[in-house]
Amino acid sequence: MSLVHTVALVPNVRAAVYTTAAPGRYLLAVEEYHGGNWEPAGDAGTTPVDPFDDVAIYSICFFMFSDYWEAE
């Protein structure tokens, strides 16, 4: 997997879009910045979304990870 694009969600939290083995599908993960490293924050999922459509990525993250945001 290779990092394709990132979208800042809130300070120190980003959506990261990675390539997958399946053509046209991307892994979308929310990551937090800790001690100089980006680390997974919750679940990840695959999507056929345009990897550079920031609005779509933000929307997917909001709905996909809404339980995580409520816990924080």
C-alpha atoms as a PDB file:
ATOM      1  CA  MET A   1       0.000   0.000   0.000  1.00  0.00           C
ATOM      2  CA  SER A   2       1.185   3.465  -0.830  1.00  0.00           C
ATOM      3  CA  LEU A   3      -0.076   6.737   0.588  1.00  0.00           C
ATOM      4  CA  VAL A   4      -1.896   8.649  -2.160  1.00  0.00           C
ATOM      5  CA  HIS A   5      -3.420  11.673  -0.425  1.00  0.00           C
ATOM      6  CA  THR A   6      -4.275  13.098   2.994  1.00  0.00           C
ATOM      7  CA  VAL A   7      -7.027  15.391   4.232  1.00  0.00           C
ATOM      8  CA  ALA A   8      -6.722  17.293   7.521  1.00  0.00           C
ATOM      9  CA  LEU A   9      -9.789  16.639   9.674  1.00  0.00           C
ATOM     10  CA  VAL A  10      -8.887  18.416  12.928  1.00  0.00           C
ATOM     11  CA  PRO A  11      -5.490  19.365  14.389  1.00  0.00           C
ATOM     12  CA  ASN A  12      -3.242  16.263  14.547  1.00  0.00           C
ATOM     13  CA  VAL A  13      -5.875  14.053  12.868  1.00  0.00           C
ATOM     14  CA  ARG A  14      -6.001  13.260   9.166  1.00  0.00           C
ATOM     15  CA  ALA A  15      -7.752  11.041   6.682  1.00  0.00           C
ATOM     16  CA  ALA A  16      -5.175   9.032   4.752  1.00  0.00           C
ATOM     17  CA  VAL A  17      -5.945   7.458   1.387  1.00  0.00           C
ATOM     18  CA  TYR A  18      -3.847   4.445   0.398  1.00  0.00           C
ATOM     19  CA  THR A  19      -3.732   2.307  -2.737  1.00  0.00           C
ATOM     20  CA  THR A  20      -4.991  -1.282  -2.592  1.00  0.00           C
ATOM     21  CA  ALA A  21      -4.460  -4.342  -4.773  1.00  0.00           C
ATOM     22  CA  ALA A  22      -7.953  -3.845  -6.237  1.00  0.00           C
ATOM     23  CA  PRO A  23      -7.954  -1.363  -9.131  1.00  0.00           C
ATOM     24  CA  GLY A  24     -10.124   1.678  -8.437  1.00  0.00           C
ATOM     25  CA  ARG A  25     -10.471   0.960  -4.695  1.00  0.00           C
ATOM     26  CA  TYR A  26      -8.677   2.832  -1.965  1.00  0.00           C
ATOM     27  CA  LEU A  27      -8.147   2.247   1.739  1.00  0.00           C
ATOM     28  CA  LEU A  28      -9.392   5.178   3.783  1.00  0.00           C
ATOM     29  CA  ALA A  29      -7.999   5.429   7.307  1.00  0.00           C
ATOM     30  CA  VAL A  30      -8.142   8.043  10.055  1.00  0.00           C
ATOM     31  CA  GLU A  31      -4.753   8.645  11.648  1.00  0.00           C
ATOM     32  CA  GLU A  32      -3.564  10.637  14.667  1.00  0.00           C
ATOM     33  CA  TYR A  33      -0.164  12.292  15.039  1.00  0.00           C
ATOM     34  CA  HIS A  34       1.702  11.042  18.144  1.00  0.00           C
ATOM     35  CA  GLY A  35       5.360  11.580  18.947  1.00  0.00           C
ATOM     36  CA  GLY A  36       6.384  12.349  15.387  1.00  0.00           C
ATOM     37  CA  ASN A  37       4.445   9.448  13.806  1.00  0.00           C
ATOM     38  CA  TRP A  38       1.039   9.039  12.211  1.00  0.00           C
ATOM     39  CA  GLU A  39      -0.815   6.157  13.908  1.00  0.00           C
ATOM     40  CA  PRO A  40      -4.166   4.478  13.134  1.00  0.00           C
ATOM     41  CA  ALA A  41      -7.129   5.907  15.030  1.00  0.00           C
ATOM     42  CA  GLY A  42     -10.025   3.490  14.773  1.00  0.00           C
ATOM     43  CA  ASP A  43     -11.178   1.396  11.851  1.00  0.00           C
ATOM     44  CA  ALA A  44     -10.352   1.722   8.183  1.00  0.00           C
ATOM     45  CA  GLY A  45     -12.377   0.832   5.127  1.00  0.00           C
ATOM     46  CA  THR A  46     -12.128   0.570   1.368  1.00  0.00           C
ATOM     47  CA  THR A  47     -13.974   2.817  -1.041  1.00  0.00           C
ATOM     48  CA  PRO A  48     -14.081   3.599  -4.773  1.00  0.00           C
ATOM     49  CA  VAL A  49     -14.086   7.368  -4.027  1.00  0.00           C
ATOM     50  CA  ASP A  50     -11.848   9.704  -6.028  1.00  0.00           C
ATOM     51  CA  PRO A  51      -8.729   9.805  -3.808  1.00  0.00           C
ATOM     52  CA  PHE A  52      -8.400  13.571  -4.350  1.00  0.00           C
ATOM     53  CA  ASP A  53     -12.023  14.531  -3.593  1.00  0.00           C
ATOM     54  CA  ASP A  54     -11.462  16.118  -0.178  1.00  0.00           C
ATOM     55  CA  VAL A  55     -15.166  16.782   0.462  1.00  0.00           C
ATOM     56  CA  ALA A  56     -16.136  13.150  -0.227  1.00  0.00           C
ATOM     57  CA  ILE A  57     -13.282  11.856   1.944  1.00  0.00           C
ATOM     58  CA  TYR A  58     -14.218  14.175   4.804  1.00  0.00           C
ATOM     59  CA  SER A  59     -17.871  13.089   4.547  1.00  0.00           C
ATOM     60  CA  ILE A  60     -17.001   9.383   4.521  1.00  0.00           C
ATOM     61  CA  CYS A  61     -14.780   9.834   7.576  1.00  0.00           C
ATOM     62  CA  PHE A  62     -17.464  11.744   9.427  1.00  0.00           C
ATOM     63  CA  PHE A  63     -20.036   8.976   8.938  1.00  0.00           C
ATOM     64  CA  MET A  64     -17.666   6.012   9.057  1.00  0.00           C
ATOM     65  CA  PHE A  65     -16.018   7.136  12.283  1.00  0.00           C
ATOM     66  CA  SER A  66     -18.864   8.991  14.014  1.00  0.00           C
ATOM     67  CA  ASP A  67     -18.669   6.647  17.039  1.00  0.00           C
ATOM     68  CA  TYR A  68     -14.985   7.509  17.423  1.00  0.00           C
ATOM     69  CA  TRP A  69     -15.628  11.265  17.314  1.00  0.00           C
ATOM     70  CA  GLU A  70     -18.377  10.966  19.953  1.00  0.00           C
ATOM     71  CA  ALA A  71     -16.037   9.017  22.271  1.00  0.00           C
ATOM     72  CA  GLU A  72     -13.384  11.734  22.070  1.00  0.00           C
END
